[in-house]
């Protein structure tokens, strides 16, 4: 019996395998203590060998949504982007963050973002050059702030 490997399959078929194993319906939360990225075959598949890693990372990072619901410090985003490397960060297209907190809200006046939130947005812009969608969770907005915005 002839033994076959994943690499004996055409690239299109391997890409379908990667999509089945690495594409998730729910947003991934890489900073959560029990991240969904650790479920199933995702991480072990990416660690199989250099060729699989190179072929599969664009699927994993480029076709999933990444959520950072509890991000507080710009260093959290920077650490995540450094951990995955600039090439993988470059594949990221969809990110969800908490609604940036506003400072100095005055009726009819201007609003300003906290410096940490400005740095989080700047870090995402620098680290994820292919970012297409940046969404925010309105639920993360403080009730008092919402009243001031109405």
Protein backbone atom coordinates (compact mmCIF):
# COMPACT_ATOMS: atom_id res chain seq x y z
CA UNK A 1 0.00 0.00 0.00
CA UNK A 2 1.34 3.40 -0.97
CA UNK A 3 1.69 5.85 1.88
CA UNK A 4 0.55 9.39 1.10
CA UNK A 5 1.12 12.65 2.91
CA UNK A 6 -0.74 15.90 3.06
CA UNK A 7 1.73 17.30 0.55
CA UNK A 8 0.80 14.71 -2.05
CA UNK A 9 -2.55 16.53 -2.33
CA UNK A 10 -2.94 19.55 -4.62
CA UNK A 11 -2.57 22.92 -2.88
CA UNK A 12 -6.28 23.70 -3.39
CA UNK A 13 -7.22 20.59 -1.40
CA UNK A 14 -4.71 21.41 1.35
CA UNK A 15 -6.22 24.91 1.57
CA UNK A 16 -9.65 23.34 2.05
CA UNK A 17 -8.23 21.18 4.87
CA UNK A 18 -6.76 24.30 6.50
CA UNK A 19 -10.08 26.13 6.21
CA UNK A 20 -11.99 23.24 7.79
CA UNK A 21 -9.54 23.04 10.70
CA UNK A 22 -8.62 26.69 11.22
CA UNK A 23 -11.66 28.79 10.37
CA UNK A 24 -14.03 29.51 13.27
CA UNK A 25 -17.54 30.98 13.27
CA UNK A 26 -17.02 32.79 16.57
CA UNK A 27 -14.38 35.46 17.06
CA UNK A 28 -11.16 34.21 18.64
CA UNK A 29 -10.08 35.78 21.92
CA UNK A 30 -6.30 35.37 22.01
CA UNK A 31 -5.85 37.25 25.31
CA UNK A 32 -8.52 35.27 27.18
CA UNK A 33 -7.25 32.73 29.71
CA UNK A 34 -9.16 29.93 27.96
CA UNK A 35 -8.92 31.00 24.36
CA UNK A 36 -10.89 29.24 21.65
CA UNK A 37 -7.70 29.16 19.58
CA UNK A 38 -6.57 26.26 21.75
CA UNK A 39 -9.55 24.09 20.77
CA UNK A 40 -9.45 21.38 18.18
CA UNK A 41 -6.57 21.00 15.80
CA UNK A 42 -5.75 24.67 15.18
CA UNK A 43 -2.52 25.19 17.12
CA UNK A 44 -1.13 21.67 16.64
CA UNK A 45 -1.77 21.94 12.90
CA UNK A 46 0.09 25.25 12.70
CA UNK A 47 3.00 23.65 14.56
CA UNK A 48 3.23 20.57 12.31
CA UNK A 49 6.15 21.83 10.22
CA UNK A 50 7.38 24.96 8.46
CA UNK A 51 5.55 24.23 5.22
CA UNK A 52 2.17 23.68 6.88
CA UNK A 53 2.78 26.75 9.03
CA UNK A 54 3.52 28.89 5.97
CA UNK A 55 0.48 27.60 4.07
CA UNK A 56 -1.98 27.61 6.98
CA UNK A 57 -1.20 30.89 8.80
CA UNK A 58 -2.84 33.07 6.12
CA UNK A 59 -6.03 31.07 6.64
CA UNK A 60 -5.90 31.14 10.45
CA UNK A 61 -5.01 34.82 10.84
CA UNK A 62 -6.63 36.16 7.67
CA UNK A 63 -10.00 34.41 7.73
CA UNK A 64 -10.85 34.61 11.43
CA UNK A 65 -12.07 37.49 13.54
CA UNK A 66 -10.04 38.38 16.62
CA UNK A 67 -11.76 39.88 19.66
CA UNK A 68 -10.09 41.66 22.55
CA UNK A 69 -13.04 42.24 24.91
CA UNK A 70 -10.98 42.95 28.02
CA UNK A 71 -8.07 44.90 26.65
CA UNK A 72 -6.91 47.61 28.99
CA UNK A 73 -3.37 48.43 27.99
CA UNK A 74 -1.73 49.08 24.65
CA UNK A 75 0.99 46.66 25.76
CA UNK A 76 -1.55 43.80 25.54
CA UNK A 77 -2.06 44.35 21.81
CA UNK A 78 1.65 44.98 21.20
CA UNK A 79 2.56 41.76 23.07
CA UNK A 80 0.04 39.73 21.06
CA UNK A 81 1.27 41.14 17.74
CA UNK A 82 4.89 40.51 18.72
CA UNK A 83 4.07 36.96 19.84
CA UNK A 84 2.52 36.04 16.48
CA UNK A 85 5.12 37.95 14.45
CA UNK A 86 4.77 40.70 11.86
CA UNK A 87 4.02 38.32 8.98
CA UNK A 88 1.06 36.73 10.78
CA UNK A 89 -0.14 40.08 12.12
CA UNK A 90 -0.12 41.28 8.53
CA UNK A 91 -2.73 38.64 7.64
CA UNK A 92 -5.24 39.85 10.26
CA UNK A 93 -8.25 41.51 8.64
CA UNK A 94 -10.94 41.61 11.34
CA UNK A 95 -10.58 42.86 14.92
CA UNK A 96 -13.13 43.71 17.61
CA UNK A 97 -12.15 45.81 20.62
CA UNK A 98 -14.10 47.38 23.49
CA UNK A 99 -15.56 50.77 22.72
CA UNK A 100 -12.74 53.22 23.43
CA UNK A 101 -13.41 55.23 26.57
CA UNK A 102 -13.93 58.92 26.01
CA UNK A 103 -12.61 61.74 28.16
CA UNK A 104 -13.77 65.30 28.62
CA UNK A 105 -17.27 64.86 27.23
CA UNK A 106 -19.19 68.11 27.13
CA UNK A 107 -22.58 68.71 25.58
CA UNK A 108 -22.08 70.26 22.19
CA UNK A 109 -18.32 70.07 22.66
CA UNK A 110 -15.55 67.85 21.52
CA UNK A 111 -14.76 64.40 22.82
CA UNK A 112 -11.34 62.88 23.29
CA UNK A 113 -10.10 59.31 23.56
CA UNK A 114 -7.94 58.24 26.48
CA UNK A 115 -4.23 58.15 25.55
CA UNK A 116 -4.14 54.36 26.10
CA UNK A 117 -7.02 53.87 23.66
CA UNK A 118 -5.30 56.05 21.08
CA UNK A 119 -2.18 53.89 21.45
CA UNK A 120 -4.24 50.67 21.10
CA UNK A 121 -5.69 51.95 17.83
CA UNK A 122 -2.26 53.07 16.64
CA UNK A 123 -0.75 49.67 17.51
CA UNK A 124 -3.44 47.90 15.48
CA UNK A 125 -2.88 50.25 12.57
CA UNK A 126 0.89 49.69 12.61
CA UNK A 127 0.79 45.97 13.32
CA UNK A 128 -2.09 44.92 11.06
CA UNK A 129 -1.59 46.68 7.72
CA UNK A 130 -4.23 44.50 6.00
CA UNK A 131 -6.90 45.25 8.63
CA UNK A 132 -10.26 45.66 6.89
CA UNK A 133 -12.74 45.71 9.77
CA UNK A 134 -12.31 47.27 13.20
CA UNK A 135 -15.47 46.96 15.24
CA UNK A 136 -16.23 47.83 18.82
CA UNK A 137 -18.50 46.49 21.52
CA UNK A 138 -21.01 49.14 22.48
CA UNK A 139 -21.73 47.16 25.64
CA UNK A 140 -18.30 48.15 26.94
CA UNK A 141 -19.33 51.80 27.11
CA UNK A 142 -19.98 53.05 30.63
CA UNK A 143 -23.64 53.92 31.36
CA UNK A 144 -22.77 57.46 32.51
CA UNK A 145 -20.88 58.04 29.29
CA UNK A 146 -23.84 56.86 27.20
CA UNK A 147 -26.11 59.38 28.94
CA UNK A 148 -23.68 62.16 28.11
CA UNK A 149 -23.60 61.07 24.45
CA UNK A 150 -27.40 61.10 24.07
